[in-house]
Amino acid sequence: MKQPEMTLEQFCERFNVTPKRRPWSGQDLADFCEVSLRTVEGWRQTGEGPTFFSPKGTRRVWYAERDVLAWMASGEKRSTSENVAA
């Protein structure tokens, strides 16, 4: 039986995260997930990471904090044999 997806509020409570309501850079995401910036770039290339924004005419990439936290919450699993929610 599939468990209902965790809400953003439940995720923040469980991980003691207080949203700051500001855009995140790729480095912010890497720091939060404790991975390298190259890993974050890989997620972006393969579509595995959270949605992102890249304003027209720039090379900058920004993540909406709410999207990052919702993406993290979507990965809740009960066992290693369970697929992550899509």
PDB file of N, CA and C in Angstrom:
ATOM      1  N   MET A   1       0.836  -1.180   0.000  1.00  0.00           N
ATOM      2  CA  MET A   1       0.000   0.000   0.000  1.00  0.00           C
ATOM      3  C   MET A   1       0.880   1.242   0.000  1.00  0.00           C
ATOM      4  N   LYS A   2       0.623   2.141  -0.941  1.00  0.00           N
ATOM      5  CA  LYS A   2       1.425   3.354  -1.057  1.00  0.00           C
ATOM      6  C   LYS A   2       1.030   4.362   0.006  1.00  0.00           C
ATOM      7  N   GLN A   3       2.039   4.920   0.637  1.00  0.00           N
ATOM      8  CA  GLN A   3       1.814   5.923   1.663  1.00  0.00           C
ATOM      9  C   GLN A   3       1.504   7.265   0.992  1.00  0.00           C
ATOM     10  N   PRO A   4       0.576   8.061   1.555  1.00  0.00           N
ATOM     11  CA  PRO A   4       0.309   9.371   0.967  1.00  0.00           C
ATOM     12  C   PRO A   4       1.562  10.246   1.020  1.00  0.00           C
ATOM     13  N   GLU A   5       1.718  11.102   0.009  1.00  0.00           N
ATOM     14  CA  GLU A   5       2.902  11.956  -0.067  1.00  0.00           C
ATOM     15  C   GLU A   5       2.936  12.937   1.100  1.00  0.00           C
ATOM     16  N   MET A   6       4.116  13.159   1.633  1.00  0.00           N
ATOM     17  CA  MET A   6       4.306  14.079   2.742  1.00  0.00           C
ATOM     18  C   MET A   6       4.064  15.508   2.254  1.00  0.00           C
ATOM     19  N   THR A   7       3.391  16.308   3.048  1.00  0.00           N
ATOM     20  CA  THR A   7       3.175  17.705   2.681  1.00  0.00           C
ATOM     21  C   THR A   7       4.442  18.500   2.966  1.00  0.00           C
ATOM     22  N   LEU A   8       4.519  19.656   2.362  1.00  0.00           N
ATOM     23  CA  LEU A   8       5.656  20.544   2.593  1.00  0.00           C
ATOM     24  C   LEU A   8       5.762  20.904   4.076  1.00  0.00           C
ATOM     25  N   GLU A   9       4.634  21.159   4.692  1.00  0.00           N
ATOM     26  CA  GLU A   9       4.630  21.524   6.110  1.00  0.00           C
ATOM     27  C   GLU A   9       5.130  20.372   6.985  1.00  0.00           C
ATOM     28  N   GLN A  10       4.718  19.149   6.654  1.00  0.00           N
ATOM     29  CA  GLN A  10       5.189  17.976   7.404  1.00  0.00           C
ATOM     30  C   GLN A  10       6.692  17.802   7.242  1.00  0.00           C
ATOM     31  N   PHE A  11       7.182  18.005   6.019  1.00  0.00           N
ATOM     32  CA  PHE A  11       8.625  17.893   5.773  1.00  0.00           C
ATOM     33  C   PHE A  11       9.387  18.915   6.613  1.00  0.00           C
ATOM     34  N   CYS A  12       8.936  20.170   6.583  1.00  0.00           N
ATOM     35  CA  CYS A  12       9.621  21.223   7.339  1.00  0.00           C
ATOM     36  C   CYS A  12       9.625  20.929   8.827  1.00  0.00           C
ATOM     37  N   GLU A  13       8.507  20.411   9.327  1.00  0.00           N
ATOM     38  CA  GLU A  13       8.438  20.068  10.742  1.00  0.00           C
ATOM     39  C   GLU A  13       9.376  18.903  11.067  1.00  0.00           C
ATOM     40  N   ARG A  14       9.362  17.868  10.241  1.00  0.00           N
ATOM     41  CA  ARG A  14      10.184  16.686  10.494  1.00  0.00           C
ATOM     42  C   ARG A  14      11.684  17.003  10.467  1.00  0.00           C
ATOM     43  N   PHE A  15      12.089  17.876   9.541  1.00  0.00           N
ATOM     44  CA  PHE A  15      13.510  18.197   9.402  1.00  0.00           C
ATOM     45  C   PHE A  15      13.893  19.529  10.048  1.00  0.00           C
ATOM     46  N   ASN A  16      12.960  20.110  10.789  1.00  0.00           N
ATOM     47  CA  ASN A  16      13.203  21.361  11.494  1.00  0.00           C
ATOM     48  C   ASN A  16      13.722  22.446  10.548  1.00  0.00           C
ATOM     49  N   VAL A  17      13.025  22.611   9.421  1.00  0.00           N
ATOM     50  CA  VAL A  17      13.384  23.604   8.414  1.00  0.00           C
ATOM     51  C   VAL A  17      12.391  24.753   8.503  1.00  0.00           C
ATOM     52  N   THR A  18      12.903  25.965   8.572  1.00  0.00           N
ATOM     53  CA  THR A  18      12.057  27.148   8.533  1.00  0.00           C
ATOM     54  C   THR A  18      12.296  27.849   7.210  1.00  0.00           C
ATOM     55  N   PRO A  19      11.316  27.805   6.304  1.00  0.00           N
ATOM     56  CA  PRO A  19      11.513  28.452   5.003  1.00  0.00           C
ATOM     57  C   PRO A  19      11.824  29.933   5.160  1.00  0.00           C
ATOM     58  N   LYS A  20      12.784  30.415   4.364  1.00  0.00           N
ATOM     59  CA  LYS A  20      13.193  31.817   4.410  1.00  0.00           C
ATOM     60  C   LYS A  20      12.519  32.634   3.314  1.00  0.00           C
ATOM     61  N   ARG A  21      11.785  31.938   2.436  1.00  0.00           N
ATOM     62  CA  ARG A  21      11.028  32.594   1.372  1.00  0.00           C
ATOM     63  C   ARG A  21      11.918  33.465   0.494  1.00  0.00           C
ATOM     64  N   ARG A  22      12.972  32.857  -0.020  1.00  0.00           N
ATOM     65  CA  ARG A  22      13.884  33.546  -0.939  1.00  0.00           C
ATOM     66  C   ARG A  22      14.358  32.548  -1.983  1.00  0.00           C
ATOM     67  N   PRO A  23      14.821  33.039  -3.123  1.00  0.00           N
ATOM     68  CA  PRO A  23      15.342  32.110  -4.131  1.00  0.00           C
ATOM     69  C   PRO A  23      16.657  31.488  -3.662  1.00  0.00           C
ATOM     70  N   TRP A  24      16.907  30.276  -4.135  1.00  0.00           N
ATOM     71  CA  TRP A  24      18.148  29.562  -3.813  1.00  0.00           C
ATOM     72  C   TRP A  24      19.016  29.481  -5.048  1.00  0.00           C
ATOM     73  N   SER A  25      20.303  29.588  -4.848  1.00  0.00           N
ATOM     74  CA  SER A  25      21.265  29.340  -5.926  1.00  0.00           C
ATOM     75  C   SER A  25      21.558  27.839  -5.970  1.00  0.00           C
ATOM     76  N   GLY A  26      22.268  27.424  -6.991  1.00  0.00           N
ATOM     77  CA  GLY A  26      22.687  26.026  -7.062  1.00  0.00           C
ATOM     78  C   GLY A  26      23.551  25.651  -5.866  1.00  0.00           C
ATOM     79  N   GLN A  27      24.392  26.585  -5.429  1.00  0.00           N
ATOM     80  CA  GLN A  27      25.250  26.313  -4.273  1.00  0.00           C
ATOM     81  C   GLN A  27      24.422  26.168  -3.000  1.00  0.00           C
ATOM     82  N   ASP A  28      23.364  26.979  -2.867  1.00  0.00           N
ATOM     83  CA  ASP A  28      22.465  26.840  -1.708  1.00  0.00           C
ATOM     84  C   ASP A  28      21.867  25.432  -1.671  1.00  0.00           C
ATOM     85  N   LEU A  29      21.425  24.959  -2.847  1.00  0.00           N
ATOM     86  CA  LEU A  29      20.843  23.616  -2.928  1.00  0.00           C
ATOM     87  C   LEU A  29      21.880  22.558  -2.589  1.00  0.00           C
ATOM     88  N   ALA A  30      23.084  22.710  -3.127  1.00  0.00           N
ATOM     89  CA  ALA A  30      24.158  21.750  -2.847  1.00  0.00           C
ATOM     90  C   ALA A  30      24.469  21.713  -1.350  1.00  0.00           C
ATOM     91  N   ASP A  31      24.554  22.880  -0.738  1.00  0.00           N
ATOM     92  CA  ASP A  31      24.846  22.947   0.698  1.00  0.00           C
ATOM     93  C   ASP A  31      23.741  22.284   1.510  1.00  0.00           C
ATOM     94  N   PHE A  32      22.484  22.552   1.155  1.00  0.00           N
ATOM     95  CA  PHE A  32      21.352  21.989   1.880  1.00  0.00           C
ATOM     96  C   PHE A  32      21.339  20.465   1.782  1.00  0.00           C
ATOM     97  N   CYS A  33      21.634  19.947   0.579  1.00  0.00           N
ATOM     98  CA  CYS A  33      21.595  18.491   0.354  1.00  0.00           C
ATOM     99  C   CYS A  33      22.914  17.810   0.698  1.00  0.00           C
ATOM    100  N   GLU A  34      23.913  18.609   1.069  1.00  0.00           N
ATOM    101  CA  GLU A  34      25.248  18.089   1.403  1.00  0.00           C
ATOM    102  C   GLU A  34      25.837  17.280   0.253  1.00  0.00           C
ATOM    103  N   VAL A  35      25.756  17.870  -0.950  1.00  0.00           N
ATOM    104  CA  VAL A  35      26.341  17.278  -2.155  1.00  0.00           C
ATOM    105  C   VAL A  35      27.152  18.369  -2.851  1.00  0.00           C
ATOM    106  N   SER A  36      27.881  17.988  -3.883  1.00  0.00           N
ATOM    107  CA  SER A  36      28.673  18.970  -4.616  1.00  0.00           C
ATOM    108  C   SER A  36      27.793  19.750  -5.586  1.00  0.00           C
ATOM    109  N   LEU A  37      28.275  20.917  -5.992  1.00  0.00           N
ATOM    110  CA  LEU A  37      27.580  21.710  -6.996  1.00  0.00           C
ATOM    111  C   LEU A  37      27.493  20.933  -8.301  1.00  0.00           C
ATOM    112  N   ARG A  38      28.494  20.138  -8.598  1.00  0.00           N
ATOM    113  CA  ARG A  38      28.480  19.318  -9.816  1.00  0.00           C
ATOM    114  C   ARG A  38      27.317  18.308  -9.782  1.00  0.00           C
ATOM    115  N   THR A  39      27.023  17.766  -8.609  1.00  0.00           N
ATOM    116  CA  THR A  39      25.887  16.843  -8.466  1.00  0.00           C
ATOM    117  C   THR A  39      24.584  17.576  -8.775  1.00  0.00           C
ATOM    118  N   VAL A  40      24.440  18.790  -8.246  1.00  0.00           N
ATOM    119  CA  VAL A  40      23.241  19.594  -8.507  1.00  0.00           C
ATOM    120  C   VAL A  40      23.117  19.880 -10.003  1.00  0.00           C
ATOM    121  N   GLU A  41      24.231  20.206 -10.642  1.00  0.00           N
ATOM    122  CA  GLU A  41      24.220  20.453 -12.090  1.00  0.00           C
ATOM    123  C   GLU A  41      23.798  19.200 -12.845  1.00  0.00           C
ATOM    124  N   GLY A  42      24.247  18.042 -12.385  1.00  0.00           N
ATOM    125  CA  GLY A  42      23.850  16.774 -12.990  1.00  0.00           C
ATOM    126  C   GLY A  42      22.357  16.532 -12.854  1.00  0.00           C
ATOM    127  N   TRP A  43      21.815  16.832 -11.675  1.00  0.00           N
ATOM    128  CA  TRP A  43      20.366  16.682 -11.469  1.00  0.00           C
ATOM    129  C   TRP A  43      19.606  17.555 -12.460  1.00  0.00           C
ATOM    130  N   ARG A  44      20.114  18.772 -12.670  1.00  0.00           N
ATOM    131  CA  ARG A  44      19.444  19.700 -13.577  1.00  0.00           C
ATOM    132  C   ARG A  44      19.490  19.170 -15.012  1.00  0.00           C
ATOM    133  N   GLN A  45      20.619  18.604 -15.416  1.00  0.00           N
ATOM    134  CA  GLN A  45      20.767  18.081 -16.777  1.00  0.00           C
ATOM    135  C   GLN A  45      19.888  16.874 -17.029  1.00  0.00           C
ATOM    136  N   THR A  46      19.702  16.046 -16.016  1.00  0.00           N
ATOM    137  CA  THR A  46      18.917  14.818 -16.193  1.00  0.00           C
ATOM    138  C   THR A  46      17.454  14.991 -15.798  1.00  0.00           C
ATOM    139  N   GLY A  47      17.103  16.130 -15.210  1.00  0.00           N
ATOM    140  CA  GLY A  47      15.736  16.362 -14.774  1.00  0.00           C
ATOM    141  C   GLY A  47      15.391  15.674 -13.472  1.00  0.00           C
ATOM    142  N   GLU A  48      16.393  15.228 -12.719  1.00  0.00           N
ATOM    143  CA  GLU A  48      16.150  14.522 -11.459  1.00  0.00           C
ATOM    144  C   GLU A  48      15.935  15.462 -10.277  1.00  0.00           C
ATOM    145  N   GLY A  49      16.408  16.674 -10.387  1.00  0.00           N
ATOM    146  CA  GLY A  49      16.323  17.617  -9.275  1.00  0.00           C
ATOM    147  C   GLY A  49      15.048  18.429  -9.295  1.00  0.00           C
ATOM    148  N   PRO A  50      14.983  19.435  -8.415  1.00  0.00           N
ATOM    149  CA  PRO A  50      13.806  20.300  -8.367  1.00  0.00           C
ATOM    150  C   PRO A  50      13.740  21.189  -9.613  1.00  0.00           C
ATOM    151  N   THR A  51      12.553  21.729  -9.885  1.00  0.00           N
ATOM    152  CA  THR A  51      12.429  22.656 -11.008  1.00  0.00           C
ATOM    153  C   THR A  51      13.303  23.875 -10.741  1.00  0.00           C
ATOM    154  N   PHE A  52      13.708  24.535 -11.814  1.00  0.00           N
ATOM    155  CA  PHE A  52      14.590  25.684 -11.673  1.00  0.00           C
ATOM    156  C   PHE A  52      14.196  26.773 -12.657  1.00  0.00           C
ATOM    157  N   PHE A  53      14.759  27.935 -12.453  1.00  0.00           N
ATOM    158  CA  PHE A  53      14.495  29.089 -13.301  1.00  0.00           C
ATOM    159  C   PHE A  53      15.827  29.633 -13.797  1.00  0.00           C
ATOM    160  N   SER A  54      15.870  30.001 -15.054  1.00  0.00           N
ATOM    161  CA  SER A  54      17.043  30.620 -15.646  1.00  0.00           C
ATOM    162  C   SER A  54      16.544  31.782 -16.499  1.00  0.00           C
ATOM    163  N   PRO A  55      16.592  32.997 -15.954  1.00  0.00           N
ATOM    164  CA  PRO A  55      16.044  34.135 -16.675  1.00  0.00           C
ATOM    165  C   PRO A  55      16.669  34.287 -18.067  1.00  0.00           C
ATOM    166  N   LYS A  56      15.837  34.630 -19.007  1.00  0.00           N
ATOM    167  CA  LYS A  56      16.258  34.797 -20.391  1.00  0.00           C
ATOM    168  C   LYS A  56      17.433  35.774 -20.474  1.00  0.00           C
ATOM    169  N   GLY A  57      18.432  35.393 -21.246  1.00  0.00           N
ATOM    170  CA  GLY A  57      19.594  36.249 -21.431  1.00  0.00           C
ATOM    171  C   GLY A  57      20.640  36.140 -20.334  1.00  0.00           C
ATOM    172  N   THR A  58      20.432  35.214 -19.389  1.00  0.00           N
ATOM    173  CA  THR A  58      21.414  35.031 -18.311  1.00  0.00           C
ATOM    174  C   THR A  58      21.856  33.574 -18.271  1.00  0.00           C
ATOM    175  N   ARG A  59      22.910  33.340 -17.544  1.00  0.00           N
ATOM    176  CA  ARG A  59      23.357  31.964 -17.307  1.00  0.00           C
ATOM    177  C   ARG A  59      23.094  31.567 -15.859  1.00  0.00           C
ATOM    178  N   ARG A  60      22.419  32.450 -15.127  1.00  0.00           N
ATOM    179  CA  ARG A  60      22.110  32.187 -13.721  1.00  0.00           C
ATOM    180  C   ARG A  60      20.983  31.176 -13.601  1.00  0.00           C
ATOM    181  N   VAL A  61      21.039  30.409 -12.537  1.00  0.00           N
ATOM    182  CA  VAL A  61      20.005  29.422 -12.250  1.00  0.00           C
ATOM    183  C   VAL A  61      19.531  29.662 -10.828  1.00  0.00           C
ATOM    184  N   TRP A  62      18.211  29.693 -10.663  1.00  0.00           N
ATOM    185  CA  TRP A  62      17.615  29.897  -9.355  1.00  0.00           C
ATOM    186  C   TRP A  62      16.589  28.815  -9.092  1.00  0.00           C
ATOM    187  N   TYR A  63      16.437  28.484  -7.841  1.00  0.00           N
ATOM    188  CA  TYR A  63      15.447  27.498  -7.399  1.00  0.00           C
ATOM    189  C   TYR A  63      14.499  28.188  -6.429  1.00  0.00           C
ATOM    190  N   ALA A  64      13.209  27.935  -6.587  1.00  0.00           N
ATOM    191  CA  ALA A  64      12.236  28.433  -5.610  1.00  0.00           C
ATOM    192  C   ALA A  64      12.343  27.533  -4.380  1.00  0.00           C
ATOM    193  N   GLU A  65      12.521  28.136  -3.240  1.00  0.00           N
ATOM    194  CA  GLU A  65      12.700  27.372  -2.001  1.00  0.00           C
ATOM    195  C   GLU A  65      11.573  26.365  -1.801  1.00  0.00           C
ATOM    196  N   ARG A  66      10.359  26.781  -2.073  1.00  0.00           N
ATOM    197  CA  ARG A  66       9.199  25.892  -1.902  1.00  0.00           C
ATOM    198  C   ARG A  66       9.322  24.674  -2.813  1.00  0.00           C
ATOM    199  N   ASP A  67       9.824  24.869  -4.053  1.00  0.00           N
ATOM    200  CA  ASP A  67      10.014  23.750  -4.981  1.00  0.00           C
ATOM    201  C   ASP A  67      11.077  22.782  -4.468  1.00  0.00           C
ATOM    202  N   VAL A  68      12.149  23.329  -3.904  1.00  0.00           N
ATOM    203  CA  VAL A  68      13.222  22.486  -3.360  1.00  0.00           C
ATOM    204  C   VAL A  68      12.689  21.633  -2.213  1.00  0.00           C
ATOM    205  N   LEU A  69      11.981  22.257  -1.283  1.00  0.00           N
ATOM    206  CA  LEU A  69      11.476  21.528  -0.122  1.00  0.00           C
ATOM    207  C   LEU A  69      10.420  20.502  -0.530  1.00  0.00           C
ATOM    208  N   ALA A  70       9.571  20.853  -1.499  1.00  0.00           N
ATOM    209  CA  ALA A  70       8.573  19.899  -1.987  1.00  0.00           C
ATOM    210  C   ALA A  70       9.256  18.730  -2.688  1.00  0.00           C
ATOM    211  N   TRP A  71      10.318  18.993  -3.437  1.00  0.00           N
ATOM    212  CA  TRP A  71      11.087  17.942  -4.111  1.00  0.00           C
ATOM    213  C   TRP A  71      11.697  16.994  -3.082  1.00  0.00           C
ATOM    214  N   MET A  72      12.257  17.557  -2.027  1.00  0.00           N
ATOM    215  CA  MET A  72      12.829  16.723  -0.961  1.00  0.00           C
ATOM    216  C   MET A  72      11.737  15.857  -0.328  1.00  0.00           C
ATOM    217  N   ALA A  73      10.587  16.460  -0.033  1.00  0.00           N
ATOM    218  CA  ALA A  73       9.489  15.726   0.608  1.00  0.00           C
ATOM    219  C   ALA A  73       8.974  14.613  -0.289  1.00  0.00           C
ATOM    220  N   SER A  74       9.063  14.775  -1.605  1.00  0.00           N
ATOM    221  CA  SER A  74       8.544  13.764  -2.531  1.00  0.00           C
ATOM    222  C   SER A  74       9.379  12.483  -2.531  1.00  0.00           C
ATOM    223  N   GLY A  75      10.534  12.517  -1.904  1.00  0.00           N
ATOM    224  CA  GLY A  75      11.411  11.356  -1.896  1.00  0.00           C
ATOM    225  C   GLY A  75      11.247  10.446  -0.698  1.00  0.00           C
ATOM    226  N   GLU A  76      10.193  10.650   0.095  1.00  0.00           N
ATOM    227  CA  GLU A  76       9.998   9.815   1.283  1.00  0.00           C
ATOM    228  C   GLU A  76       9.754   8.357   0.883  1.00  0.00           C
ATOM    229  N   LYS A  77      10.455   7.435   1.561  1.00  0.00           N
ATOM    230  CA  LYS A  77      10.313   6.000   1.308  1.00  0.00           C
ATOM    231  C   LYS A  77      10.294   5.259   2.637  1.00  0.00           C
ATOM    232  N   ARG A  78       9.740   4.078   2.623  1.00  0.00           N
ATOM    233  CA  ARG A  78       9.707   3.228   3.815  1.00  0.00           C
ATOM    234  C   ARG A  78      10.728   2.096   3.735  1.00  0.00           C
ATOM    235  N   SER A  79      11.149   1.735   2.506  1.00  0.00           N
ATOM    236  CA  SER A  79      12.145   0.673   2.354  1.00  0.00           C
ATOM    237  C   SER A  79      12.972   0.930   1.102  1.00  0.00           C
ATOM    238  N   THR A  80      14.118   0.288   1.012  1.00  0.00           N
ATOM    239  CA  THR A  80      14.985   0.458  -0.155  1.00  0.00           C
ATOM    240  C   THR A  80      14.395  -0.147  -1.412  1.00  0.00           C
ATOM    241  N   SER A  81      13.429  -1.036  -1.271  1.00  0.00           N
ATOM    242  CA  SER A  81      12.807  -1.652  -2.451  1.00  0.00           C
ATOM    243  C   SER A  81      11.669  -0.798  -3.020  1.00  0.00           C
ATOM    244  N   GLU A  82      11.332   0.260  -2.330  1.00  0.00           N
ATOM    245  CA  GLU A  82      10.238   1.124  -2.746  1.00  0.00           C
ATOM    246  C   GLU A  82      10.737   2.166  -3.746  1.00  0.00           C
ATOM    247  N   ASN A  83       9.979   2.406  -4.817  1.00  0.00           N
ATOM    248  CA  ASN A  83      10.327   3.461  -5.769  1.00  0.00           C
ATOM    249  C   ASN A  83      10.002   4.803  -5.178  1.00  0.00           C
ATOM    250  N   VAL A  84      10.811   5.818  -5.518  1.00  0.00           N
ATOM    251  CA  VAL A  84      10.536   7.172  -5.084  1.00  0.00           C
ATOM    252  C   VAL A  84       9.353   7.683  -5.890  1.00  0.00           C
ATOM    253  N   ALA A  85       8.480   8.462  -5.236  1.00  0.00           N
ATOM    254  CA  ALA A  85       7.311   9.016  -5.938  1.00  0.00           C
ATOM    255  C   ALA A  85       7.765   9.877  -7.092  1.00  0.00           C
ATOM    256  N   ALA A  86       7.066   9.795  -8.215  1.00  0.00           N
ATOM    257  CA  ALA A  86       7.419  10.585  -9.394  1.00  0.00           C
ATOM    258  C   ALA A  86       6.776  11.947  -9.360  1.00  0.00           C
TER     259      ALA A  86
END
